[in-house]
Amino acid sequence: MIYSFHTILVLGHILALALGLGSALLADWIVLRKLAFGTVSQRAAGQLIDLSHAVCAGLVLIWITGALLVTDNALNAPASIMNQKLWAKLAIVTALTLNAVLLHKIAMPMVTRRVGQPLFGAAFDRLAMASTLLGAVSMVSWVFSAYLGVARELNGRENFVPIFVSYLGALLLAWALALVLLWSMRQRRTSSEPFPFSGTPVQSS
């Protein structure tokens, strides 16, 4: 037999990860390139909504294939269920799923309401800070869970706490960078300097 059920599950899990992570990366690029430093277009808003659906589809497939993989591994090697890396990955994917729900509740409606306007206002309001946090959680969680999926050297060697603390550290760093970018955007909006990646100046109204 040239194939096995386990191998098919692994392939499905990888494809689900590629769908979710790829869509999340493309969505972040659209926000950075087309929305964060200018006005929100109807086309860009539609693209973000489509990509958010692809991310959700990837998450659903990750949960299904992941649950089947864990069950298959537990049946063949019961000790595998005690792998601390597995529990860290489960916690991160759970955070990613909850974050996706919040993105649909907060970020997507905000994007559609801002068509024809700048995505963020000139001030550091709570909505802007929450949106940058949601974006940071999405990106860091996708990349970190992908890393844990391929880091076989961590199996049975690292505990849950140091793995999760590393994840939280990466998350805080990403959020800090996002806030710096948001602050820079606000400063540039009050001047005629060209915005990064756009090459065109944006005047304050």
Protein backbone atom coordinates (compact mmCIF):
# COMPACT_ATOMS: atom_id res chain seq x y z
CA MET A 1 0.00 0.00 0.00
CA ILE A 2 1.53 3.32 -1.07
CA TYR A 3 -0.45 5.44 1.38
CA SER A 4 -1.60 5.35 4.99
CA PHE A 5 -4.39 7.02 6.93
CA HIS A 6 -1.86 8.80 9.16
CA THR A 7 0.05 10.22 6.18
CA ILE A 8 -3.18 11.48 4.62
CA LEU A 9 -4.06 13.20 7.90
CA VAL A 10 -0.63 14.85 8.09
CA LEU A 11 -0.98 16.08 4.51
CA GLY A 12 -4.45 17.46 5.26
CA HIS A 13 -3.13 19.20 8.36
CA ILE A 14 -0.31 20.80 6.37
CA LEU A 15 -2.71 21.97 3.64
CA ALA A 16 -5.05 23.43 6.27
CA LEU A 17 -2.12 25.28 7.83
CA ALA A 18 -1.03 26.57 4.42
CA LEU A 19 -4.56 27.83 3.72
CA GLY A 20 -4.92 29.60 7.07
CA LEU A 21 -1.41 30.99 7.36
CA GLY A 22 -1.21 32.04 3.71
CA SER A 23 -4.55 33.84 3.89
CA ALA A 24 -3.57 35.56 7.15
CA LEU A 25 -0.26 36.75 5.67
CA LEU A 26 -1.99 38.10 2.57
CA ALA A 27 -4.62 39.86 4.69
CA ASP A 28 -1.92 41.52 6.80
CA TRP A 29 -0.13 42.67 3.65
CA ILE A 30 -3.34 44.22 2.29
CA VAL A 31 -3.86 46.07 5.57
CA LEU A 32 -0.28 47.32 5.57
CA ARG A 33 0.00 48.13 1.87
CA LYS A 34 -3.48 49.39 0.98
CA LEU A 35 -5.40 50.31 4.11
CA ALA A 36 -3.23 51.40 7.03
CA PHE A 37 -1.63 54.32 5.18
CA GLY A 38 -4.53 55.52 3.12
CA THR A 39 -8.28 55.23 2.65
CA VAL A 40 -10.16 51.94 2.62
CA SER A 41 -11.36 50.94 -0.85
CA GLN A 42 -14.38 48.75 -1.51
CA ARG A 43 -12.17 46.26 -3.34
CA ALA A 44 -9.65 45.96 -0.50
CA ALA A 45 -12.45 45.55 2.04
CA GLY A 46 -13.96 42.77 -0.07
CA GLN A 47 -10.59 41.06 -0.37
CA LEU A 48 -10.16 41.12 3.40
CA ILE A 49 -13.59 39.59 3.95
CA ASP A 50 -12.84 36.79 1.46
CA LEU A 51 -9.47 36.12 3.11
CA SER A 52 -11.08 36.03 6.55
CA HIS A 53 -13.39 33.27 5.29
CA ALA A 54 -10.36 31.35 4.00
CA VAL A 55 -8.66 31.73 7.40
CA CYS A 56 -11.77 30.35 9.12
CA ALA A 57 -11.87 27.41 6.71
CA GLY A 58 -8.22 26.71 7.47
CA LEU A 59 -8.92 26.79 11.20
CA VAL A 60 -11.83 24.38 10.91
CA LEU A 61 -9.70 21.95 8.90
CA ILE A 62 -6.84 22.29 11.38
CA TRP A 63 -9.13 21.35 14.27
CA ILE A 64 -10.57 18.36 12.38
CA THR A 65 -7.28 16.97 11.09
CA GLY A 66 -5.50 17.80 14.35
CA ALA A 67 -8.07 15.95 16.45
CA LEU A 68 -7.85 12.93 14.17
CA LEU A 69 -4.03 13.00 14.32
CA VAL A 70 -3.98 13.21 18.11
CA THR A 71 -6.45 10.32 18.32
CA ASP A 72 -4.46 8.23 15.86
CA ASN A 73 -1.20 8.90 17.70
CA ALA A 74 -2.78 8.14 21.08
CA LEU A 75 -4.06 4.79 19.83
CA ASN A 76 -0.66 3.79 18.47
CA ALA A 77 1.51 5.43 21.15
CA PRO A 78 -0.49 6.36 24.28
CA ALA A 79 2.47 8.23 25.79
CA SER A 80 2.29 10.79 22.97
CA ILE A 81 -0.71 12.41 24.65
CA MET A 82 1.61 13.64 27.42
CA ASN A 83 3.80 15.60 25.00
CA GLN A 84 4.00 19.13 26.47
CA LYS A 85 4.56 20.63 23.02
CA LEU A 86 1.21 19.21 21.95
CA TRP A 87 -0.56 20.96 24.82
CA ALA A 88 1.21 24.23 24.07
CA LYS A 89 0.15 23.99 20.43
CA LEU A 90 -3.41 23.21 21.50
CA ALA A 91 -3.46 26.31 23.74
CA ILE A 92 -2.10 28.51 20.94
CA VAL A 93 -4.59 27.22 18.36
CA THR A 94 -7.37 27.81 20.90
CA ALA A 95 -6.18 31.40 21.31
CA LEU A 96 -6.02 31.72 17.52
CA THR A 97 -9.60 30.49 17.20
CA LEU A 98 -10.94 32.89 19.84
CA ASN A 99 -9.00 35.69 18.15
CA ALA A 100 -10.59 34.82 14.81
CA VAL A 101 -14.04 35.19 16.38
CA LEU A 102 -13.08 38.62 17.75
CA LEU A 103 -11.67 39.67 14.37
CA HIS A 104 -15.05 38.90 12.80
CA LYS A 105 -16.85 40.80 15.56
CA ILE A 106 -14.55 43.86 15.69
CA ALA A 107 -12.10 44.18 12.79
CA MET A 108 -14.22 43.16 9.78
CA PRO A 109 -17.19 45.41 10.64
CA MET A 110 -14.74 48.28 11.24
CA VAL A 111 -13.18 47.79 7.80
CA THR A 112 -16.54 47.80 6.02
CA ARG A 113 -17.65 50.93 7.92
CA ARG A 114 -14.44 52.75 6.93
CA VAL A 115 -14.80 52.38 3.15
CA GLY A 116 -13.74 55.71 1.64
CA GLN A 117 -12.08 56.78 4.90
CA PRO A 118 -8.77 56.08 6.68
CA LEU A 119 -8.81 52.74 8.50
CA PHE A 120 -7.64 54.29 11.76
CA GLY A 121 -8.38 57.72 13.17
CA ALA A 122 -5.76 60.26 14.09
CA ALA A 123 -5.89 59.35 17.78
CA PHE A 124 -4.83 56.29 19.72
CA ASP A 125 -8.34 55.12 20.54
CA ARG A 126 -9.21 51.81 22.15
CA LEU A 127 -10.55 50.39 18.90
CA ALA A 128 -7.26 51.00 17.10
CA MET A 129 -5.25 49.45 19.93
CA ALA A 130 -7.59 46.45 20.08
CA SER A 131 -7.32 45.97 16.31
CA THR A 132 -3.53 45.99 16.39
CA LEU A 133 -3.59 43.46 19.25
CA LEU A 134 -5.92 41.17 17.31
CA GLY A 135 -3.67 41.40 14.28
CA ALA A 136 -0.59 40.60 16.36
CA VAL A 137 -2.28 37.60 17.98
CA SER A 138 -3.32 36.30 14.57
CA MET A 139 0.10 36.55 12.95
CA VAL A 140 2.17 35.32 15.93
CA SER A 141 -0.22 32.44 16.66
CA TRP A 142 -0.21 31.19 13.07
CA VAL A 143 3.58 31.34 12.76
CA PHE A 144 4.22 29.91 16.24
CA SER A 145 1.83 27.01 15.78
CA ALA A 146 3.45 26.26 12.41
CA TYR A 147 6.86 26.26 14.10
CA LEU A 148 5.67 23.88 16.81
CA GLY A 149 4.31 21.58 14.15
CA VAL A 150 7.74 21.10 12.57
CA ALA A 151 9.94 21.40 15.69
CA ARG A 152 10.26 17.68 16.43
CA GLU A 153 13.28 18.38 18.63
CA LEU A 154 10.91 19.80 21.25
CA ASN A 155 8.99 16.54 21.63
CA GLY A 156 9.39 15.27 25.17
CA ARG A 157 12.14 17.80 25.91
CA GLU A 158 10.40 21.11 26.65
CA ASN A 159 7.65 21.79 29.16
CA PHE A 160 4.48 23.70 28.45
CA VAL A 161 5.48 26.81 30.44
CA PRO A 162 8.69 27.83 28.59
CA ILE A 163 7.04 27.22 25.22
CA PHE A 164 4.00 29.31 26.11
CA VAL A 165 6.12 32.05 27.70
CA SER A 166 8.12 32.27 24.46
CA TYR A 167 4.85 32.60 22.57
CA LEU A 168 3.66 35.39 24.86
CA GLY A 169 7.00 37.18 24.47
CA ALA A 170 6.74 37.04 20.68
CA LEU A 171 3.16 38.27 20.93
CA LEU A 172 4.06 41.28 23.08
CA LEU A 173 6.93 42.17 20.73
CA ALA A 174 4.66 41.98 17.68
CA TRP A 175 2.03 44.14 19.37
CA ALA A 176 4.66 46.71 20.36
CA LEU A 177 5.87 46.90 16.77
CA ALA A 178 2.27 47.29 15.55
CA LEU A 179 1.68 50.16 17.99
CA VAL A 180 4.88 51.87 16.86
CA LEU A 181 3.68 51.56 13.27
CA LEU A 182 0.30 52.98 14.24
CA TRP A 183 1.94 55.90 16.04
CA SER A 184 4.13 56.57 12.99
CA MET A 185 1.03 56.52 10.80
CA ARG A 186 -0.70 59.06 13.02
CA GLN A 187 2.35 61.35 12.94
CA ARG A 188 2.61 61.17 9.16
CA ARG A 189 -1.08 61.86 8.73
CA THR A 190 -0.53 65.33 10.18
CA SER A 191 2.21 66.09 7.65
CA SER A 192 2.74 65.83 3.91
CA GLU A 193 5.39 63.09 4.19
CA PRO A 194 4.84 60.02 2.02
CA PHE A 195 3.61 56.98 3.90
CA PRO A 196 5.77 53.84 3.95
CA PHE A 197 5.02 51.33 1.14
CA SER A 198 2.63 53.76 -0.53
CA GLY A 199 4.91 56.47 -1.89
CA THR A 200 2.12 59.04 -1.78
CA PRO A 201 1.56 61.79 0.76
CA VAL A 202 -1.67 61.84 2.76
CA GLN A 203 -2.87 65.17 4.06
CA SER A 204 -4.94 65.46 7.19
CA SER A 205 -8.47 66.65 6.60
